[in-house]
Amino acid sequence: MLPHAIAAMPYLSAQLVGREAREVDGGKLIVNDDPEPWWRPFVGPVCFTWDWEPAWDTSVVHAAGVEHVAELASVELKIGDGADGLWTPGHALLLLPVLVGVLYGPALQRSVSVLGVFRAPNSSVVENPAHLVYIPDTTHCEDLHYYAPANVLFSACADAAETRHVWFPPLTNFDDPIAGLEATGSIRVIGAGTHKAQRLTLEDFKGPLIPHGIDVVEDPDADKVPAVYIFVVNHVPAPAYVEWKRASAHGQTPEPTNKSASRVDIFHHLLGASSARHVRSVQHPLIATPNDIFAVSPREFYVTNDHHYREGAMRIAEDVFSGATWSTTIHVLLEGAEVRANVALTGLHNNNGLGHGNTSDQVLIGSAASGTMHLATFGKREGTLEVLESINLDSAIDNPTYFRDPYATPALDLSGYVNGGMSNGYKVVESAKNPAGLDGSMVWITRPSVTEGDSAQGWGNKLLFQDDGSRIRAASVAVLVAIDPALEAGQRKAWLYVSGFVSKSILAIKIDIV
């Protein structure tokens, strides 16, 4: 009876068994506000509304789907008499929150926790003001890499504070491509001992530079002066979108689908010099929504596509639904002028940052919205990656790094994986456009709980630092640099460098690491 009656029903009333009924009428569903159900922390008393009509037609399939969801959720359905002739598929969608809650309860619960929906931002106490340093001229530096041979950190910064708030495709901010076209971001070299940043002059580069993730790899062919190659994800506006935006009648012509022509730019830098020379730009159809880079050599790298969809409702779904494992990691090989690329890894949710692990073949992958760091290695098939283990953290993360303890002893090795992320990640898209926004940060270190031989048996996560957004906003990366215990009366301390994609400056904090 249900498939026939539902085809023209005017309303659907849903009642949790044994509790007060809440009626669906006129395209609205008010979820029962009883405090006891397991799903209340995720949906609470809320009204879901729809003012659009789905494109599919009424069918027995949709009706059966509603009936099945009702059965799973222990919900009684009351079918109307069909007098109003409301659309059946719309009513089917009214039960979507119930379906999500029933089928994906644990995943939903973790998403709510990781994205900090109910988390109150907090701040670590730094008692000595000298132990907290703001590094000047480091505005909106999304990624950091410590290059131990030179005891320096590399970053790429947006420089102009206003640019990121009007143009940054990774946050679906396409408001002003003209501002993006005029962006003059640059590369920084920061002395780990001095906390001073040097802005490199970019030679043979015409810009613009809207930087995102970076990586640094040694130049194996350097002669007398050691050198590195610096890889930078650059979110250049698509020329067609710029022209469409500039046109006085742009509202009368179709808006371009691809608004960003994101690419990877490669620079060569002699350590100690004040400049970096642009080597080449790398674009490929598979590099669609690039986020971060893992450089294998000057001519080979991996790059993450953090989303499949560039914008819209499905893009939002990718962020909040951990089952949306549609992002990819791409392997790129440069052979002369040719760019060869292949899909190296699929099946991860919102893979963002990449990092070098505790061995030369360990690749760290951060699934940002999932709060999960994946430990991967090079696959058996050339140009692929294989995930060996995944470690969950209690907040969103971004660019994972590895801290190798240079003062480790057989009795005490404080090495570990370091992750920085937002404490309330669910607000990021909305708040990122606000120059005065406050986005809290959390920094974690992950170490083996127990070590047997050379392998870890379980992992422990420790919160190293947190902030409510007043000192460091929206952390996207954290790097530890150890301090010689002889300079700290035998105590194990390190400088923790934290930066974010909308932070006013990189923050350095002296912390205990035991």
Protein backbone atom coordinates (compact mmCIF):
# COMPACT_ATOMS: atom_id res chain seq x y z
CA MET A 1 0.00 0.00 0.00
CA LEU A 2 2.79 2.40 0.83
CA PRO A 3 4.20 2.89 -2.69
CA HIS A 4 0.78 3.79 -4.09
CA ALA A 5 -0.34 6.03 -1.24
CA ILE A 6 2.92 7.90 -1.02
CA ALA A 7 2.82 8.92 -4.66
CA ALA A 8 0.42 11.77 -3.96
CA MET A 9 0.57 12.28 -0.20
CA PRO A 10 0.10 15.81 1.15
CA TYR A 11 2.03 15.24 4.36
CA LEU A 12 4.06 12.70 6.23
CA SER A 13 4.03 12.51 10.00
CA ALA A 14 7.03 10.88 11.68
CA GLN A 15 6.77 9.68 15.25
CA LEU A 16 9.56 8.25 17.35
CA VAL A 17 8.03 5.21 18.99
CA GLY A 18 6.92 6.03 22.49
CA ARG A 19 7.64 9.77 22.15
CA GLU A 20 5.81 12.91 21.09
CA ALA A 21 5.09 13.11 17.38
CA ARG A 22 6.53 15.82 15.16
CA GLU A 23 4.70 16.38 11.91
CA VAL A 24 6.17 16.87 8.48
CA ASP A 25 3.95 19.38 6.76
CA GLY A 26 4.58 21.89 4.01
CA GLY A 27 8.13 20.63 3.47
CA LYS A 28 9.28 20.76 7.10
CA LEU A 29 10.51 18.20 9.57
CA ILE A 30 11.00 19.07 13.22
CA VAL A 31 13.03 16.41 14.93
CA ASN A 32 11.80 15.25 18.32
CA ASP A 33 13.50 17.37 20.99
CA ASP A 34 13.63 14.64 23.61
CA PRO A 35 17.10 14.79 25.30
CA GLU A 36 17.55 11.02 25.48
CA PRO A 37 17.94 9.82 21.86
CA TRP A 38 21.50 9.06 20.79
CA TRP A 39 21.15 11.31 17.78
CA ARG A 40 20.32 14.52 19.66
CA PRO A 41 23.94 15.77 20.01
CA PHE A 42 24.17 15.70 16.22
CA VAL A 43 20.84 17.17 15.12
CA GLY A 44 19.23 18.53 18.31
CA PRO A 45 15.80 20.08 17.95
CA VAL A 46 16.07 21.37 14.40
CA CYS A 47 13.84 22.14 11.46
CA PHE A 48 14.93 20.90 8.04
CA THR A 49 13.34 22.71 5.10
CA TRP A 50 13.47 22.43 1.34
CA ASP A 51 12.26 24.99 -1.16
CA TRP A 52 13.35 23.18 -4.30
CA GLU A 53 12.06 20.22 -6.26
CA PRO A 54 14.33 17.28 -7.09
CA ALA A 55 14.78 16.43 -10.74
CA TRP A 56 13.74 12.79 -10.48
CA ASP A 57 10.15 11.61 -10.77
CA THR A 58 8.05 9.72 -8.24
CA SER A 59 8.65 6.00 -8.13
CA VAL A 60 8.24 2.89 -6.11
CA VAL A 61 12.00 2.96 -5.46
CA HIS A 62 11.82 6.24 -3.55
CA ALA A 63 8.77 5.13 -1.62
CA ALA A 64 10.46 1.87 -0.67
CA GLY A 65 13.49 3.86 0.42
CA VAL A 66 11.37 5.96 2.77
CA GLU A 67 9.77 2.83 4.18
CA HIS A 68 13.18 1.23 4.74
CA VAL A 69 14.58 4.30 6.50
CA ALA A 70 11.52 4.44 8.71
CA GLU A 71 12.02 0.81 9.65
CA LEU A 72 15.67 1.34 10.51
CA ALA A 73 14.90 4.38 12.61
CA SER A 74 11.89 2.82 14.39
CA VAL A 75 9.71 5.59 12.99
CA GLU A 76 6.00 5.19 12.30
CA LEU A 77 4.84 6.71 9.03
CA LYS A 78 1.38 8.18 8.67
CA ILE A 79 0.32 8.68 5.10
CA GLY A 80 -2.05 11.47 4.10
CA ASP A 81 -4.94 11.24 1.69
CA GLY A 82 -3.16 12.82 -1.30
CA ALA A 83 -5.43 15.83 -1.52
CA ASP A 84 -2.61 18.38 -1.80
CA GLY A 85 -0.55 16.38 -4.26
CA LEU A 86 2.85 17.29 -2.85
CA TRP A 87 5.95 15.86 -4.49
CA THR A 88 6.88 12.44 -3.15
CA PRO A 89 10.68 12.72 -3.60
CA GLY A 90 10.71 15.88 -1.50
CA HIS A 91 9.11 13.96 1.35
CA ALA A 92 11.62 11.17 0.89
CA LEU A 93 14.41 13.68 1.35
CA LEU A 94 12.85 14.83 4.61
CA LEU A 95 13.99 11.57 6.15
CA LEU A 96 17.57 12.01 4.93
CA PRO A 97 18.88 13.19 8.33
CA VAL A 98 17.37 10.08 9.89
CA LEU A 99 19.01 7.87 7.28
CA VAL A 100 22.41 9.51 7.82
CA GLY A 101 22.11 9.17 11.58
CA VAL A 102 21.09 5.52 11.47
CA LEU A 103 23.55 4.31 8.86
CA TYR A 104 26.50 6.52 9.74
CA GLY A 105 26.06 7.21 13.46
CA PRO A 106 29.66 6.51 14.57
CA ALA A 107 31.13 8.39 11.60
CA LEU A 108 28.81 11.32 12.21
CA GLN A 109 29.71 11.37 15.88
CA ARG A 110 33.42 11.49 15.03
CA SER A 111 32.90 14.24 12.44
CA VAL A 112 31.10 16.37 15.00
CA SER A 113 33.97 15.82 17.44
CA VAL A 114 36.81 16.41 14.96
CA LEU A 115 35.25 19.55 13.50
CA GLY A 116 34.72 20.91 17.01
CA VAL A 117 31.00 21.62 16.70
CA PHE A 118 30.61 21.69 20.49
CA ARG A 119 34.23 22.49 21.41
CA ALA A 120 34.99 25.70 23.29
CA PRO A 121 38.32 27.19 22.12
CA ASN A 122 41.00 27.26 24.78
CA SER A 123 44.51 28.71 25.13
CA SER A 124 47.72 27.27 26.55
CA VAL A 125 49.39 29.40 29.18
CA VAL A 126 52.84 30.74 28.28
CA GLU A 127 54.21 32.13 31.52
CA ASN A 128 57.44 33.63 30.17
CA PRO A 129 56.75 36.28 27.49
CA ALA A 130 60.19 35.59 25.99
CA HIS A 131 59.00 32.08 25.15
CA LEU A 132 56.40 33.35 22.66
CA VAL A 133 57.70 35.08 19.53
CA TYR A 134 55.77 36.53 16.59
CA ILE A 135 57.95 36.32 13.48
CA PRO A 136 57.60 39.57 11.49
CA ASP A 137 56.69 39.67 7.80
CA THR A 138 55.10 36.21 7.70
CA THR A 139 51.49 36.88 6.73
CA HIS A 140 49.24 33.97 5.71
CA CYS A 141 51.94 31.30 5.44
CA GLU A 142 50.01 28.05 5.03
CA ASP A 143 52.88 25.55 5.16
CA LEU A 144 56.28 25.19 6.86
CA HIS A 145 59.22 22.86 6.25
CA TYR A 146 62.30 22.51 8.43
CA TYR A 147 65.50 21.96 6.47
CA ALA A 148 67.85 20.49 9.07
CA PRO A 149 71.16 20.73 7.11
CA ALA A 150 70.90 24.54 7.15
CA ASN A 151 68.85 24.86 10.38
CA VAL A 152 66.25 26.97 8.58
CA LEU A 153 62.54 26.78 7.86
CA PHE A 154 60.96 27.45 4.48
CA SER A 155 57.50 28.84 3.89
CA ALA A 156 55.50 30.58 1.17
CA CYS A 157 53.35 33.51 2.28
CA ALA A 158 50.52 35.50 0.73
CA ASP A 159 52.08 38.74 2.05
CA ALA A 160 49.09 41.02 1.36
CA ALA A 161 46.58 40.32 4.11
CA GLU A 162 43.57 41.33 2.05
CA THR A 163 44.21 38.94 -0.87
CA ARG A 164 43.44 35.70 0.94
CA HIS A 165 40.08 36.98 2.13
CA VAL A 166 38.86 37.62 -1.42
CA TRP A 167 40.66 34.94 -3.44
CA PHE A 168 41.62 31.49 -2.18
CA PRO A 169 40.15 28.58 -4.17
CA PRO A 170 40.91 25.94 -1.49
CA LEU A 171 38.24 27.64 0.65
CA THR A 172 35.88 28.15 -2.32
CA ASN A 173 36.65 31.86 -2.20
CA PHE A 174 36.44 33.04 -5.80
CA ASP A 175 35.16 36.53 -5.05
CA ASP A 176 37.90 38.62 -6.68
CA PRO A 177 40.07 36.92 -9.31
CA ILE A 178 41.51 40.30 -10.30
CA ALA A 179 42.97 40.70 -6.81
CA GLY A 180 44.34 37.18 -7.19
CA LEU A 181 45.89 38.07 -10.52
CA GLU A 182 47.74 40.95 -8.83
CA ALA A 183 48.89 38.90 -5.83
CA THR A 184 52.59 39.10 -4.99
CA GLY A 185 53.17 36.27 -2.57
CA SER A 186 56.72 35.16 -1.90
CA ILE A 187 58.99 32.58 -0.30
CA ARG A 188 60.46 32.97 3.19
CA VAL A 189 63.58 31.52 4.80
CA ILE A 190 63.42 31.64 8.60
CA GLY A 191 66.41 31.13 10.84
CA ALA A 192 65.57 28.55 13.49
CA GLY A 193 68.04 30.19 15.85
CA THR A 194 67.20 33.83 15.07
CA HIS A 195 63.42 33.72 14.39
CA LYS A 196 64.00 36.23 11.60
CA ALA A 197 62.41 35.82 8.19
CA GLN A 198 64.12 36.64 4.92
CA ARG A 199 61.92 37.33 1.90
CA LEU A 200 63.51 35.85 -1.21
CA THR A 201 63.54 37.78 -4.46
CA LEU A 202 61.93 35.62 -7.14
CA GLU A 203 64.00 35.77 -10.32
CA ASP A 204 62.56 35.02 -13.76
CA PHE A 205 59.07 34.82 -12.27
CA LYS A 206 56.20 36.96 -13.52
CA GLY A 207 53.60 35.85 -10.99
CA PRO A 208 51.06 35.95 -9.58
CA LEU A 209 51.82 33.82 -6.53
CA ILE A 210 48.91 32.70 -4.35
CA PRO A 211 50.77 30.05 -2.34
CA HIS A 212 49.39 27.01 -0.60
CA GLY A 213 51.41 23.86 0.22
CA ILE A 214 55.17 23.66 -0.37
CA ASP A 215 58.04 21.20 -0.19
CA VAL A 216 61.81 21.48 -0.25
CA VAL A 217 64.25 18.93 -1.65
CA GLU A 218 68.04 18.95 -1.88
CA ASP A 219 69.68 19.71 -5.21
CA PRO A 220 71.84 16.60 -5.75
CA ASP A 221 73.81 18.35 -8.51
CA ALA A 222 74.83 21.39 -6.45
CA ASP A 223 78.53 22.10 -6.79
CA LYS A 224 80.30 24.36 -4.31
CA VAL A 225 77.26 25.97 -2.71
CA PRO A 226 74.53 23.69 -1.32
CA ALA A 227 71.15 24.34 -2.92
CA VAL A 228 67.54 23.24 -2.80
CA TYR A 229 64.49 23.11 -5.03
CA ILE A 230 61.33 24.66 -3.62
CA PHE A 231 57.95 23.41 -4.87
CA VAL A 232 54.94 25.71 -4.35
CA VAL A 233 51.24 25.11 -5.06
CA ASN A 234 50.04 28.30 -6.75
CA HIS A 235 46.32 29.08 -7.15
CA VAL A 236 46.38 31.34 -10.18
CA PRO A 237 42.99 32.63 -11.41
CA ALA A 238 41.82 31.10 -14.68
CA PRO A 239 42.17 33.68 -17.51
CA ALA A 240 38.62 33.00 -18.74
CA TYR A 241 37.21 33.73 -15.28
CA VAL A 242 39.23 36.93 -14.98
CA GLU A 243 37.93 38.14 -18.33
CA TRP A 244 34.36 37.17 -17.42
CA LYS A 245 34.65 39.09 -14.16
CA ARG A 246 36.09 42.13 -15.91
CA ALA A 247 33.38 42.24 -18.55
CA SER A 248 30.74 44.86 -17.81
CA ALA A 249 27.98 42.46 -18.85
CA HIS A 250 29.37 39.37 -17.13
CA GLY A 251 26.01 38.66 -15.55
CA GLN A 252 24.55 38.04 -19.00
CA THR A 253 27.03 35.34 -20.01
CA PRO A 254 27.62 31.92 -18.45
CA GLU A 255 30.04 31.86 -15.58
CA PRO A 256 33.13 29.71 -16.33
CA THR A 257 33.12 26.34 -14.60
CA ASN A 258 36.83 26.30 -13.79
CA LYS A 259 37.68 29.53 -12.03
CA SER A 260 41.19 28.61 -10.95
CA ALA A 261 44.13 27.49 -13.09
CA SER A 262 46.06 26.10 -10.14
CA ARG A 263 49.56 24.82 -10.79
CA VAL A 264 52.87 23.91 -9.16
CA ASP A 265 55.77 26.35 -9.47
CA ILE A 266 59.35 25.18 -8.92
CA PHE A 267 62.19 27.43 -7.76
CA HIS A 268 65.93 26.87 -7.26
CA HIS A 269 67.64 28.45 -4.26
CA LEU A 270 71.29 28.61 -3.22
CA LEU A 271 71.33 28.31 0.56
CA GLY A 272 72.29 31.63 2.10
CA ALA A 273 71.40 33.65 -1.02
CA SER A 274 68.72 36.33 -1.06
CA SER A 275 66.89 35.06 -4.13
CA ALA A 276 65.30 32.01 -5.74
CA ARG A 277 65.20 31.41 -9.49
CA HIS A 278 62.00 30.22 -11.12
CA VAL A 279 62.63 26.96 -12.95
CA ARG A 280 59.24 26.07 -14.39
CA SER A 281 55.47 25.92 -13.88
CA VAL A 282 53.72 22.55 -13.92
CA GLN A 283 50.10 22.12 -15.00
CA HIS A 284 48.22 18.95 -15.87
CA PRO A 285 44.53 18.01 -16.10
CA LEU A 286 44.98 15.63 -13.16
CA ILE A 287 46.22 18.51 -10.97
CA ALA A 288 42.76 19.92 -10.35
CA THR A 289 42.40 21.08 -6.73
CA PRO A 290 46.01 20.90 -5.52
CA ASN A 291 46.81 21.31 -1.84
CA ASP A 292 50.26 20.06 -0.90
CA ILE A 293 53.39 18.46 -2.33
CA PHE A 294 55.76 15.62 -1.48
CA ALA A 295 58.95 16.09 -3.50
CA VAL A 296 60.88 12.91 -4.30
CA SER A 297 63.52 14.64 -6.41
CA PRO A 298 63.83 17.83 -8.48
CA ARG A 299 61.90 16.07 -11.25
CA GLU A 300 59.40 13.92 -9.38
CA PHE A 301 56.71 14.74 -6.84
CA TYR A 302 53.30 13.81 -5.47
CA VAL A 303 50.50 16.36 -5.09
CA THR A 304 47.14 16.03 -3.34
CA ASN A 305 43.79 17.06 -4.79
CA ASP A 306 41.88 17.84 -1.60
CA HIS A 307 38.42 17.76 -3.22
CA HIS A 308 36.74 16.31 -6.26
CA TYR A 309 34.21 19.16 -6.48
CA ARG A 310 35.46 22.74 -6.71
CA GLU A 311 32.38 24.33 -5.13
CA GLY A 312 28.68 23.81 -4.45
CA ALA A 313 26.65 21.47 -2.29
CA MET A 314 28.70 18.40 -3.16
CA ARG A 315 31.86 20.24 -2.11
CA ILE A 316 30.28 20.80 1.31
CA ALA A 317 29.35 17.13 1.45
CA GLU A 318 33.00 16.24 0.87
CA ASP A 319 33.95 18.27 3.92
CA VAL A 320 31.44 16.97 6.42
CA PHE A 321 30.86 13.38 5.28
CA SER A 322 33.82 11.09 5.93
CA GLY A 323 32.42 8.59 3.45
CA ALA A 324 33.09 11.04 0.62
CA THR A 325 36.42 9.45 -0.26
CA TRP A 326 36.74 11.19 -3.59
CA SER A 327 40.00 13.11 -3.23
CA THR A 328 43.15 11.86 -4.94
CA THR A 329 46.92 12.01 -4.79
CA ILE A 330 48.70 12.48 -8.11
CA HIS A 331 52.19 11.34 -9.08
CA VAL A 332 54.05 13.71 -11.41
CA LEU A 333 57.21 12.98 -13.36
CA LEU A 334 59.00 15.70 -15.34
CA GLU A 335 60.84 14.46 -18.42
CA GLY A 336 62.24 17.44 -20.21
CA ALA A 337 59.32 19.63 -21.23
CA GLU A 338 56.89 16.73 -20.87
CA VAL A 339 54.71 16.38 -17.79
CA ARG A 340 53.66 12.80 -17.06
CA ALA A 341 51.06 12.26 -14.37
CA ASN A 342 49.02 9.39 -12.98
CA VAL A 343 46.69 8.80 -10.06
CA ALA A 344 48.85 7.43 -7.24
CA LEU A 345 46.21 6.99 -4.53
CA THR A 346 42.43 7.12 -4.15
CA GLY A 347 39.91 6.24 -1.47
CA LEU A 348 40.84 8.81 1.20
CA HIS A 349 38.62 11.53 2.61
CA ASN A 350 39.74 15.13 2.12
CA ASN A 351 43.46 14.37 1.84
CA ASN A 352 45.27 17.67 2.34
CA GLY A 353 48.82 17.94 3.59
CA LEU A 354 51.76 15.75 2.71
CA GLY A 355 54.90 15.29 4.79
CA HIS A 356 58.13 13.31 5.02
CA GLY A 357 58.05 10.65 7.72
CA ASN A 358 60.64 8.83 9.81
CA THR A 359 62.14 7.01 6.83
CA SER A 360 62.97 8.13 3.31
CA ASP A 361 60.06 6.14 1.89
CA GLN A 362 57.40 7.09 4.45
CA VAL A 363 54.79 9.54 3.14
CA LEU A 364 52.52 11.30 5.64
CA ILE A 365 49.04 12.18 4.39
CA GLY A 366 46.67 14.36 6.38
CA SER A 367 42.92 13.88 5.89
CA ALA A 368 41.95 17.29 7.22
CA ALA A 369 38.22 17.07 7.94
CA SER A 370 38.57 13.49 9.17
CA GLY A 371 41.33 14.36 11.63
CA THR A 372 43.27 11.35 10.37
CA MET A 373 46.96 11.02 9.54
CA HIS A 374 47.80 8.20 7.16
CA LEU A 375 51.22 6.55 7.12
CA ALA A 376 51.92 5.55 3.53
CA THR A 377 54.81 4.23 1.48
CA PHE A 378 55.71 3.96 -2.17
CA GLY A 379 53.61 1.25 -3.82
CA LYS A 380 54.88 -1.82 -5.59
CA ARG A 381 53.69 -0.36 -8.85
CA GLU A 382 55.76 2.65 -9.87
CA GLY A 383 54.15 6.02 -9.20
CA THR A 384 51.67 4.76 -6.62
CA LEU A 385 51.26 5.06 -2.86
CA GLU A 386 50.04 2.49 -0.36
CA VAL A 387 48.55 3.38 3.02
CA LEU A 388 49.91 1.11 5.75
CA GLU A 389 48.32 2.61 8.83
CA SER A 390 45.95 5.42 9.84
CA ILE A 391 46.03 7.36 13.11
CA ASN A 392 43.03 9.35 14.34
CA LEU A 393 43.42 12.65 16.17
CA ASP A 394 40.82 14.68 18.05
CA SER A 395 40.69 17.75 15.82
CA ALA A 396 40.95 18.68 12.18
CA ILE A 397 44.54 18.53 10.91
CA ASP A 398 46.31 19.67 7.77
CA ASN A 399 50.03 19.40 7.01
CA PRO A 400 51.72 16.61 9.01
CA THR A 401 55.41 16.88 9.88
CA TYR A 402 57.86 14.53 11.57
CA PHE A 403 60.07 15.58 14.50
CA ARG A 404 63.31 13.62 14.62
CA ASP A 405 64.86 14.01 18.07
CA PRO A 406 68.56 14.85 17.50
CA TYR A 407 69.29 14.35 21.20
CA ALA A 408 67.61 10.97 21.55
CA THR A 409 69.14 8.34 23.79
CA PRO A 410 68.33 4.63 24.12
CA ALA A 411 66.36 5.54 27.23
CA LEU A 412 64.53 8.60 25.86
CA ASP A 413 63.58 9.29 22.26
CA LEU A 414 61.04 12.09 21.89
CA SER A 415 60.61 11.80 18.11
CA GLY A 416 57.05 11.92 16.84
CA TYR A 417 54.54 13.08 14.27
CA VAL A 418 53.34 16.66 14.67
CA ASN A 419 49.98 17.92 13.43
CA GLY A 420 48.41 21.36 13.65
CA GLY A 421 44.77 22.07 12.91
CA MET A 422 41.70 24.08 13.72
CA SER A 423 39.81 23.52 16.96
CA ASN A 424 36.50 24.50 15.33
CA GLY A 425 37.00 23.46 11.72
CA TYR A 426 33.30 23.56 10.89
CA LYS A 427 33.49 27.38 10.76
CA VAL A 428 36.41 27.66 8.36
CA VAL A 429 34.64 28.47 5.08
CA GLU A 430 32.51 31.16 6.67
CA SER A 431 35.19 32.73 8.85
CA ALA A 432 38.03 32.70 6.30
CA LYS A 433 36.54 35.71 4.50
CA ASN A 434 36.57 37.76 7.69
CA PRO A 435 39.90 39.54 8.30
CA ALA A 436 39.01 39.96 11.97
CA GLY A 437 37.90 36.36 12.51
CA LEU A 438 39.12 34.22 15.38
CA ASP A 439 39.75 30.58 14.53
CA GLY A 440 41.19 28.43 17.29
CA SER A 441 44.16 26.11 16.85
CA MET A 442 45.36 22.81 18.30
CA VAL A 443 48.77 21.16 17.91
CA TRP A 444 49.37 17.46 18.60
CA ILE A 445 52.33 15.13 18.77
CA THR A 446 51.85 11.41 18.15
CA ARG A 447 54.32 8.89 19.52
CA PRO A 448 54.31 5.10 19.88
CA SER A 449 52.54 3.96 23.03
CA VAL A 450 54.73 0.87 23.15
CA THR A 451 57.71 0.02 20.99
CA GLU A 452 58.74 -3.54 20.23
CA GLY A 453 61.94 -3.71 18.25
CA ASP A 454 61.62 -1.21 15.41
CA SER A 455 57.82 -1.21 15.26
CA ALA A 456 55.22 0.78 17.14
CA GLN A 457 52.44 -1.06 18.96
CA GLY A 458 49.70 1.52 19.31
CA TRP A 459 49.89 5.29 19.32
CA GLY A 460 49.41 8.04 21.86
CA ASN A 461 48.37 11.61 21.01
CA LYS A 462 49.46 14.49 23.23
CA LEU A 463 48.18 18.05 22.96
CA LEU A 464 51.25 20.29 22.76
CA PHE A 465 49.63 23.69 22.38
CA GLN A 466 46.26 25.31 21.77
CA ASP A 467 45.02 28.82 21.19
CA ASP A 468 41.63 30.51 20.87
CA GLY A 469 42.70 32.42 17.76
CA SER A 470 44.01 35.52 19.48
CA ARG A 471 47.68 34.56 19.10
CA ILE A 472 47.63 32.17 16.14
CA ARG A 473 44.66 31.80 13.84
CA ALA A 474 43.58 28.63 12.02
CA ALA A 475 46.72 26.52 12.38
CA SER A 476 47.50 24.49 9.28
CA VAL A 477 51.02 23.33 10.14
CA ALA A 478 53.33 22.90 13.12
CA VAL A 479 57.04 22.11 13.22
CA LEU A 480 59.25 21.23 16.20
CA VAL A 481 62.93 22.20 16.35
CA ALA A 482 64.80 20.75 19.33
CA ILE A 483 66.91 22.84 21.70
CA ASP A 484 70.21 21.46 22.97
CA PRO A 485 69.54 20.17 26.51
CA ALA A 486 72.89 21.64 27.57
CA LEU A 487 71.39 25.10 27.01
CA GLU A 488 68.33 24.26 29.12
CA ALA A 489 69.96 22.77 32.23
CA GLY A 490 69.36 19.28 30.89
CA GLN A 491 65.65 19.80 30.25
CA ARG A 492 64.11 18.62 26.98
CA LYS A 493 62.65 21.65 25.25
CA ALA A 494 61.97 22.71 21.68
CA TRP A 495 60.73 25.64 19.67
CA LEU A 496 57.30 24.95 18.23
CA TYR A 497 56.58 26.89 15.04
CA VAL A 498 52.90 27.23 14.16
CA SER A 499 51.37 28.91 11.13
CA GLY A 500 48.01 29.10 9.39
CA PHE A 501 46.52 30.03 6.04
CA VAL A 502 44.94 33.19 7.55
CA SER A 503 47.34 33.81 10.45
CA LYS A 504 48.87 37.27 10.72
CA SER A 505 52.30 35.84 11.46
CA ILE A 506 54.13 32.62 12.22
CA LEU A 507 54.25 31.96 15.95
CA ALA A 508 57.19 30.37 17.78
CA ILE A 509 56.67 28.98 21.29
CA LYS A 510 59.27 27.40 23.55
CA ILE A 511 57.72 24.27 25.06
CA ASP A 512 58.59 21.18 27.09
CA ILE A 513 58.49 18.10 24.89
CA VAL A 514 58.72 15.33 27.45
